[in-house]
Each structure stands twice: as structure tokens, then as C-alpha cells.
Amino acid sequence: MNTADARQDLGKRGEAAAALYLHSLGWENIRRNYRIKRFEIDIIARKDDHCCLFEVKTRRNRAATNIISERQKAHLRLAHRAFCEQMNISELSVSYALIIISVHNGKASLEYYPHFL
């Protein structure tokens, strides 16, 4: 498997693990890898009457600090706005959260930031 394929596989496994984690917290998975305009939202989930867009970052053997650049944050904000416009809902009624999965020596750790943006 080449490096790009391995990275993509790791990302898919990280998103699957994040979806399971969210389910354990009571979130209902609505969509995964949702494309809107030129953006992608990793996971869209609902809990009670609340909708949340989740960005999932999976990294191997690397510190997760500063994992999202300011440019990436701007893209996430645009994806959030585009999603709300498409669904005809208020931006205030949809939050954005971050899940970081770090894999080191075969062990994974998960960090959840429910109010990311």
C-alpha cells in the first residue's frame, strides 16, 4: 500500500471510530463525508434537537497540537455556513466539533472538542 492509500485508510478508520464514539454518547449519525460546494463535512449527527458537524483528524505517531490551521478553520466555517444555507436553518442552531484520534505504537487515543468553532 502506498503512502497516500495508507493515509486515506487511516482516515477512514478514524472516522469510523469517531462515529462509534459519538453513538456511545447518544449521537445519531445522519451523514458521513457530506460534500457541499467544494467542502466536505466528515460527520453530521443529531442528539435530541441539536445538530452538530464533526471534523475528524486522525494522526499516527505525531502530536495532535495545532492540527487545524487557520486556513482550515476558515474552510470549516464556510462549510458550516453552506450547510446551514442548504438546509435553511440558522447557523446558531448547528455547532461544529472536533475529534482528534492519535495512533501511537498500535494504541489509539481520542480527544473530543465539542465547541470547536
N, C-alpha and C. Protein backbone atom coordinates (compact mmCIF):
# COMPACT_ATOMS: atom_id res chain seq x y z
N MET A 1 0.85 -1.18 0.00
CA MET A 1 0.00 0.00 0.00
C MET A 1 0.89 1.23 0.00
N ASN A 2 0.62 2.18 -0.90
CA ASN A 2 1.46 3.38 -0.93
C ASN A 2 1.05 4.35 0.19
N THR A 3 1.85 5.39 0.37
CA THR A 3 1.65 6.32 1.48
C THR A 3 0.29 6.99 1.43
N ALA A 4 -0.15 7.43 0.26
CA ALA A 4 -1.45 8.10 0.14
C ALA A 4 -2.60 7.15 0.50
N ASP A 5 -2.50 5.91 0.04
CA ASP A 5 -3.54 4.92 0.36
C ASP A 5 -3.56 4.62 1.86
N ALA A 6 -2.39 4.50 2.46
CA ALA A 6 -2.30 4.22 3.90
C ALA A 6 -2.89 5.37 4.70
N ARG A 7 -2.60 6.60 4.29
CA ARG A 7 -3.14 7.78 4.98
C ARG A 7 -4.66 7.83 4.85
N GLN A 8 -5.17 7.53 3.66
CA GLN A 8 -6.62 7.53 3.43
C GLN A 8 -7.30 6.43 4.26
N ASP A 9 -6.67 5.25 4.31
CA ASP A 9 -7.21 4.15 5.11
C ASP A 9 -7.25 4.52 6.59
N LEU A 10 -6.18 5.15 7.08
CA LEU A 10 -6.14 5.58 8.47
C LEU A 10 -7.25 6.58 8.75
N GLY A 11 -7.47 7.50 7.81
CA GLY A 11 -8.53 8.50 7.98
C GLY A 11 -9.91 7.86 8.03
N LYS A 12 -10.16 6.88 7.17
CA LYS A 12 -11.45 6.18 7.16
C LYS A 12 -11.67 5.43 8.46
N ARG A 13 -10.62 4.77 8.95
CA ARG A 13 -10.74 4.04 10.22
C ARG A 13 -10.97 5.01 11.37
N GLY A 14 -10.32 6.17 11.32
CA GLY A 14 -10.52 7.18 12.35
C GLY A 14 -11.95 7.71 12.36
N GLU A 15 -12.50 7.95 11.17
CA GLU A 15 -13.88 8.43 11.08
C GLU A 15 -14.86 7.37 11.58
N ALA A 16 -14.59 6.11 11.28
CA ALA A 16 -15.46 5.03 11.77
C ALA A 16 -15.40 4.95 13.31
N ALA A 17 -14.19 5.08 13.87
CA ALA A 17 -14.05 5.06 15.33
C ALA A 17 -14.75 6.27 15.96
N ALA A 18 -14.64 7.42 15.32
CA ALA A 18 -15.30 8.62 15.83
C ALA A 18 -16.82 8.45 15.80
N ALA A 19 -17.35 7.86 14.73
CA ALA A 19 -18.79 7.63 14.63
C ALA A 19 -19.27 6.69 15.74
N LEU A 20 -18.50 5.65 16.03
CA LEU A 20 -18.85 4.74 17.13
C LEU A 20 -18.82 5.45 18.47
N TYR A 21 -17.81 6.28 18.67
CA TYR A 21 -17.70 7.05 19.90
C TYR A 21 -18.90 7.97 20.07
N LEU A 22 -19.26 8.68 19.01
CA LEU A 22 -20.41 9.58 19.08
C LEU A 22 -21.69 8.81 19.37
N HIS A 23 -21.84 7.66 18.76
CA HIS A 23 -23.01 6.82 19.02
C HIS A 23 -23.08 6.44 20.50
N SER A 24 -21.92 6.14 21.10
CA SER A 24 -21.89 5.78 22.52
C SER A 24 -22.31 6.95 23.42
N LEU A 25 -22.18 8.17 22.90
CA LEU A 25 -22.60 9.36 23.65
C LEU A 25 -24.05 9.75 23.37
N GLY A 26 -24.71 8.97 22.49
CA GLY A 26 -26.11 9.24 22.20
C GLY A 26 -26.36 10.03 20.94
N TRP A 27 -25.32 10.27 20.14
CA TRP A 27 -25.49 10.98 18.88
C TRP A 27 -26.00 10.01 17.81
N GLU A 28 -26.91 10.48 16.99
CA GLU A 28 -27.41 9.70 15.85
C GLU A 28 -26.70 10.18 14.59
N ASN A 29 -26.02 9.27 13.93
CA ASN A 29 -25.27 9.59 12.72
C ASN A 29 -26.26 9.86 11.58
N ILE A 30 -26.22 11.04 11.01
CA ILE A 30 -27.09 11.39 9.90
C ILE A 30 -26.38 11.15 8.57
N ARG A 31 -25.18 11.70 8.44
CA ARG A 31 -24.41 11.55 7.19
C ARG A 31 -22.93 11.51 7.51
N ARG A 32 -22.18 10.85 6.62
CA ARG A 32 -20.72 10.88 6.70
C ARG A 32 -20.19 11.31 5.35
N ASN A 33 -19.07 12.02 5.39
CA ASN A 33 -18.40 12.52 4.19
C ASN A 33 -19.36 13.27 3.28
N TYR A 34 -20.06 14.22 3.87
CA TYR A 34 -21.06 15.02 3.16
C TYR A 34 -20.36 16.13 2.38
N ARG A 35 -20.56 16.13 1.09
CA ARG A 35 -19.95 17.15 0.23
C ARG A 35 -20.96 18.26 -0.06
N ILE A 36 -20.48 19.48 0.12
CA ILE A 36 -21.29 20.65 -0.18
C ILE A 36 -20.35 21.70 -0.76
N LYS A 37 -20.71 22.18 -1.94
CA LYS A 37 -19.85 23.08 -2.71
C LYS A 37 -18.48 22.41 -2.83
N ARG A 38 -17.42 23.08 -2.39
CA ARG A 38 -16.09 22.48 -2.51
C ARG A 38 -15.58 21.94 -1.16
N PHE A 39 -16.50 21.77 -0.21
CA PHE A 39 -16.13 21.35 1.13
C PHE A 39 -16.66 19.95 1.43
N GLU A 40 -16.07 19.34 2.45
CA GLU A 40 -16.58 18.06 2.94
C GLU A 40 -16.72 18.15 4.46
N ILE A 41 -17.83 17.64 4.95
CA ILE A 41 -18.08 17.56 6.38
C ILE A 41 -17.96 16.07 6.74
N ASP A 42 -17.06 15.75 7.67
CA ASP A 42 -16.78 14.35 7.98
C ASP A 42 -18.00 13.61 8.53
N ILE A 43 -18.62 14.17 9.55
CA ILE A 43 -19.78 13.53 10.17
C ILE A 43 -20.81 14.60 10.52
N ILE A 44 -22.06 14.32 10.19
CA ILE A 44 -23.18 15.15 10.63
C ILE A 44 -24.01 14.27 11.54
N ALA A 45 -24.27 14.74 12.76
CA ALA A 45 -25.00 13.92 13.72
C ALA A 45 -26.02 14.78 14.48
N ARG A 46 -27.00 14.07 15.05
CA ARG A 46 -28.06 14.75 15.81
C ARG A 46 -28.20 14.07 17.16
N LYS A 47 -28.44 14.90 18.16
CA LYS A 47 -28.72 14.42 19.51
C LYS A 47 -29.84 15.28 20.06
N ASP A 48 -30.95 14.65 20.38
CA ASP A 48 -32.16 15.37 20.78
C ASP A 48 -32.53 16.32 19.64
N ASP A 49 -32.60 17.61 19.92
CA ASP A 49 -32.95 18.58 18.87
C ASP A 49 -31.73 19.34 18.36
N HIS A 50 -30.55 18.85 18.67
CA HIS A 50 -29.32 19.56 18.30
C HIS A 50 -28.61 18.85 17.15
N CYS A 51 -28.12 19.64 16.20
CA CYS A 51 -27.35 19.12 15.07
C CYS A 51 -25.91 19.61 15.22
N CYS A 52 -24.97 18.73 14.91
CA CYS A 52 -23.56 19.10 15.01
C CYS A 52 -22.80 18.55 13.81
N LEU A 53 -21.87 19.34 13.32
CA LEU A 53 -20.96 18.94 12.25
C LEU A 53 -19.63 18.60 12.91
N PHE A 54 -19.09 17.44 12.58
CA PHE A 54 -17.86 16.97 13.23
C PHE A 54 -16.73 16.88 12.21
N GLU A 55 -15.60 17.48 12.57
CA GLU A 55 -14.37 17.32 11.81
C GLU A 55 -13.54 16.26 12.55
N VAL A 56 -13.05 15.27 11.82
CA VAL A 56 -12.27 14.19 12.43
C VAL A 56 -10.86 14.24 11.86
N LYS A 57 -9.88 14.28 12.73
CA LYS A 57 -8.47 14.25 12.32
C LYS A 57 -7.82 13.05 12.97
N THR A 58 -7.22 12.20 12.16
CA THR A 58 -6.55 11.01 12.66
C THR A 58 -5.07 11.11 12.29
N ARG A 59 -4.22 10.94 13.28
CA ARG A 59 -2.79 11.06 13.05
C ARG A 59 -2.05 9.88 13.67
N ARG A 60 -0.97 9.50 13.03
CA ARG A 60 -0.14 8.40 13.51
C ARG A 60 1.21 8.95 13.95
N ASN A 61 1.61 8.56 15.16
CA ASN A 61 2.95 8.89 15.67
C ASN A 61 3.28 10.38 15.59
N ARG A 62 2.27 11.21 15.81
CA ARG A 62 2.50 12.65 15.73
C ARG A 62 1.65 13.35 16.78
N ALA A 63 2.19 14.40 17.36
CA ALA A 63 1.41 15.18 18.32
C ALA A 63 0.25 15.85 17.60
N ALA A 64 -0.85 15.96 18.30
CA ALA A 64 -2.06 16.50 17.69
C ALA A 64 -2.21 18.00 17.92
N THR A 65 -1.24 18.63 18.55
CA THR A 65 -1.34 20.05 18.79
C THR A 65 -1.28 20.82 17.48
N ASN A 66 -2.03 21.89 17.41
CA ASN A 66 -2.10 22.74 16.21
C ASN A 66 -2.42 21.94 14.95
N ILE A 67 -3.32 21.02 15.08
CA ILE A 67 -3.66 20.11 13.98
C ILE A 67 -4.49 20.80 12.89
N ILE A 68 -5.18 21.86 13.24
CA ILE A 68 -6.03 22.59 12.29
C ILE A 68 -5.45 23.99 12.10
N SER A 69 -5.08 24.30 10.87
CA SER A 69 -4.52 25.63 10.57
C SER A 69 -5.65 26.66 10.51
N GLU A 70 -5.29 27.90 10.54
CA GLU A 70 -6.29 28.98 10.42
C GLU A 70 -7.03 28.89 9.08
N ARG A 71 -6.31 28.52 8.04
CA ARG A 71 -6.95 28.36 6.72
C ARG A 71 -7.99 27.24 6.75
N GLN A 72 -7.63 26.12 7.39
CA GLN A 72 -8.58 25.02 7.51
C GLN A 72 -9.80 25.43 8.35
N LYS A 73 -9.58 26.20 9.41
CA LYS A 73 -10.69 26.69 10.23
C LYS A 73 -11.63 27.56 9.39
N ALA A 74 -11.05 28.39 8.54
CA ALA A 74 -11.87 29.23 7.67
C ALA A 74 -12.70 28.37 6.72
N HIS A 75 -12.11 27.30 6.18
CA HIS A 75 -12.86 26.38 5.30
C HIS A 75 -13.99 25.69 6.07
N LEU A 76 -13.71 25.31 7.32
CA LEU A 76 -14.75 24.67 8.13
C LEU A 76 -15.91 25.63 8.40
N ARG A 77 -15.59 26.90 8.65
CA ARG A 77 -16.64 27.90 8.86
C ARG A 77 -17.49 28.07 7.59
N LEU A 78 -16.83 28.07 6.43
CA LEU A 78 -17.56 28.18 5.17
C LEU A 78 -18.44 26.95 4.93
N ALA A 79 -17.94 25.78 5.27
CA ALA A 79 -18.73 24.55 5.13
C ALA A 79 -19.94 24.61 6.06
N HIS A 80 -19.74 25.10 7.27
CA HIS A 80 -20.83 25.26 8.24
C HIS A 80 -21.90 26.19 7.68
N ARG A 81 -21.46 27.31 7.17
CA ARG A 81 -22.41 28.30 6.60
C ARG A 81 -23.16 27.71 5.40
N ALA A 82 -22.43 27.03 4.51
CA ALA A 82 -23.06 26.44 3.31
C ALA A 82 -24.07 25.37 3.70
N PHE A 83 -23.73 24.54 4.70
CA PHE A 83 -24.65 23.50 5.16
C PHE A 83 -25.93 24.14 5.70
N CYS A 84 -25.79 25.14 6.53
CA CYS A 84 -26.96 25.80 7.13
C CYS A 84 -27.82 26.47 6.06
N GLU A 85 -27.18 27.09 5.08
CA GLU A 85 -27.94 27.70 3.98
C GLU A 85 -28.69 26.64 3.19
N GLN A 86 -28.02 25.53 2.88
CA GLN A 86 -28.66 24.47 2.10
C GLN A 86 -29.83 23.85 2.86
N MET A 87 -29.71 23.71 4.17
CA MET A 87 -30.77 23.10 4.98
C MET A 87 -31.80 24.14 5.43
N ASN A 88 -31.53 25.41 5.13
CA ASN A 88 -32.42 26.51 5.51
C ASN A 88 -32.64 26.55 7.03
N ILE A 89 -31.52 26.48 7.76
CA ILE A 89 -31.57 26.56 9.21
C ILE A 89 -30.57 27.61 9.70
N SER A 90 -30.80 28.11 10.89
CA SER A 90 -29.93 29.13 11.47
C SER A 90 -28.56 28.56 11.79
N GLU A 91 -27.52 29.33 11.52
CA GLU A 91 -26.16 28.90 11.86
C GLU A 91 -26.01 28.69 13.36
N LEU A 92 -26.80 29.42 14.14
CA LEU A 92 -26.71 29.30 15.59
C LEU A 92 -27.27 27.98 16.10
N SER A 93 -28.08 27.30 15.28
CA SER A 93 -28.69 26.04 15.73
C SER A 93 -27.83 24.83 15.40
N VAL A 94 -26.68 25.05 14.75
CA VAL A 94 -25.79 23.95 14.37
C VAL A 94 -24.39 24.26 14.89
N SER A 95 -23.83 23.35 15.65
CA SER A 95 -22.48 23.58 16.18
C SER A 95 -21.45 22.80 15.37
N TYR A 96 -20.18 23.08 15.63
CA TYR A 96 -19.08 22.39 14.97
C TYR A 96 -18.16 21.84 16.04
N ALA A 97 -17.84 20.58 15.94
CA ALA A 97 -16.98 19.94 16.94
C ALA A 97 -15.79 19.27 16.24
N LEU A 98 -14.78 19.00 17.03
CA LEU A 98 -13.55 18.39 16.52
C LEU A 98 -13.26 17.12 17.31
N ILE A 99 -12.89 16.07 16.59
CA ILE A 99 -12.42 14.84 17.22
C ILE A 99 -11.04 14.55 16.66
N ILE A 100 -10.09 14.37 17.55
CA ILE A 100 -8.72 14.05 17.15
C ILE A 100 -8.39 12.65 17.65
N ILE A 101 -7.97 11.81 16.73
CA ILE A 101 -7.56 10.45 17.09
C ILE A 101 -6.08 10.33 16.79
N SER A 102 -5.32 9.99 17.82
CA SER A 102 -3.87 9.82 17.68
C SER A 102 -3.55 8.34 17.87
N VAL A 103 -2.79 7.79 16.93
CA VAL A 103 -2.39 6.38 17.00
C VAL A 103 -0.88 6.34 17.20
N HIS A 104 -0.47 5.68 18.27
CA HIS A 104 0.96 5.58 18.57
C HIS A 104 1.23 4.18 19.13
N ASN A 105 2.17 3.47 18.52
CA ASN A 105 2.53 2.11 18.93
C ASN A 105 1.31 1.18 18.99
N GLY A 106 0.43 1.34 18.01
CA GLY A 106 -0.74 0.47 17.92
C GLY A 106 -1.88 0.80 18.86
N LYS A 107 -1.73 1.85 19.67
CA LYS A 107 -2.78 2.26 20.60
C LYS A 107 -3.33 3.60 20.16
N ALA A 108 -4.66 3.71 20.22
CA ALA A 108 -5.31 4.96 19.80
C ALA A 108 -5.85 5.70 21.01
N SER A 109 -5.76 7.01 20.93
CA SER A 109 -6.40 7.87 21.94
C SER A 109 -7.29 8.86 21.21
N LEU A 110 -8.38 9.24 21.85
CA LEU A 110 -9.36 10.12 21.23
C LEU A 110 -9.55 11.35 22.09
N GLU A 111 -9.53 12.52 21.45
CA GLU A 111 -9.81 13.78 22.13
C GLU A 111 -11.03 14.39 21.46
N TYR A 112 -11.98 14.87 22.26
CA TYR A 112 -13.24 15.40 21.75
C TYR A 112 -13.38 16.85 22.20
N TYR A 113 -13.54 17.75 21.23
CA TYR A 113 -13.71 19.18 21.49
C TYR A 113 -15.09 19.58 20.99
N PRO A 114 -16.10 19.57 21.87
CA PRO A 114 -17.49 19.75 21.42
C PRO A 114 -17.81 21.15 20.91
N HIS A 115 -17.06 22.15 21.29
CA HIS A 115 -17.35 23.52 20.84
C HIS A 115 -16.12 24.08 20.13
N PHE A 116 -15.81 23.47 19.00
CA PHE A 116 -14.57 23.78 18.30
C PHE A 116 -14.58 25.14 17.63
N LEU A 117 -15.61 25.44 16.88
CA LEU A 117 -15.66 26.74 16.18
C LEU A 117 -16.68 27.64 16.81
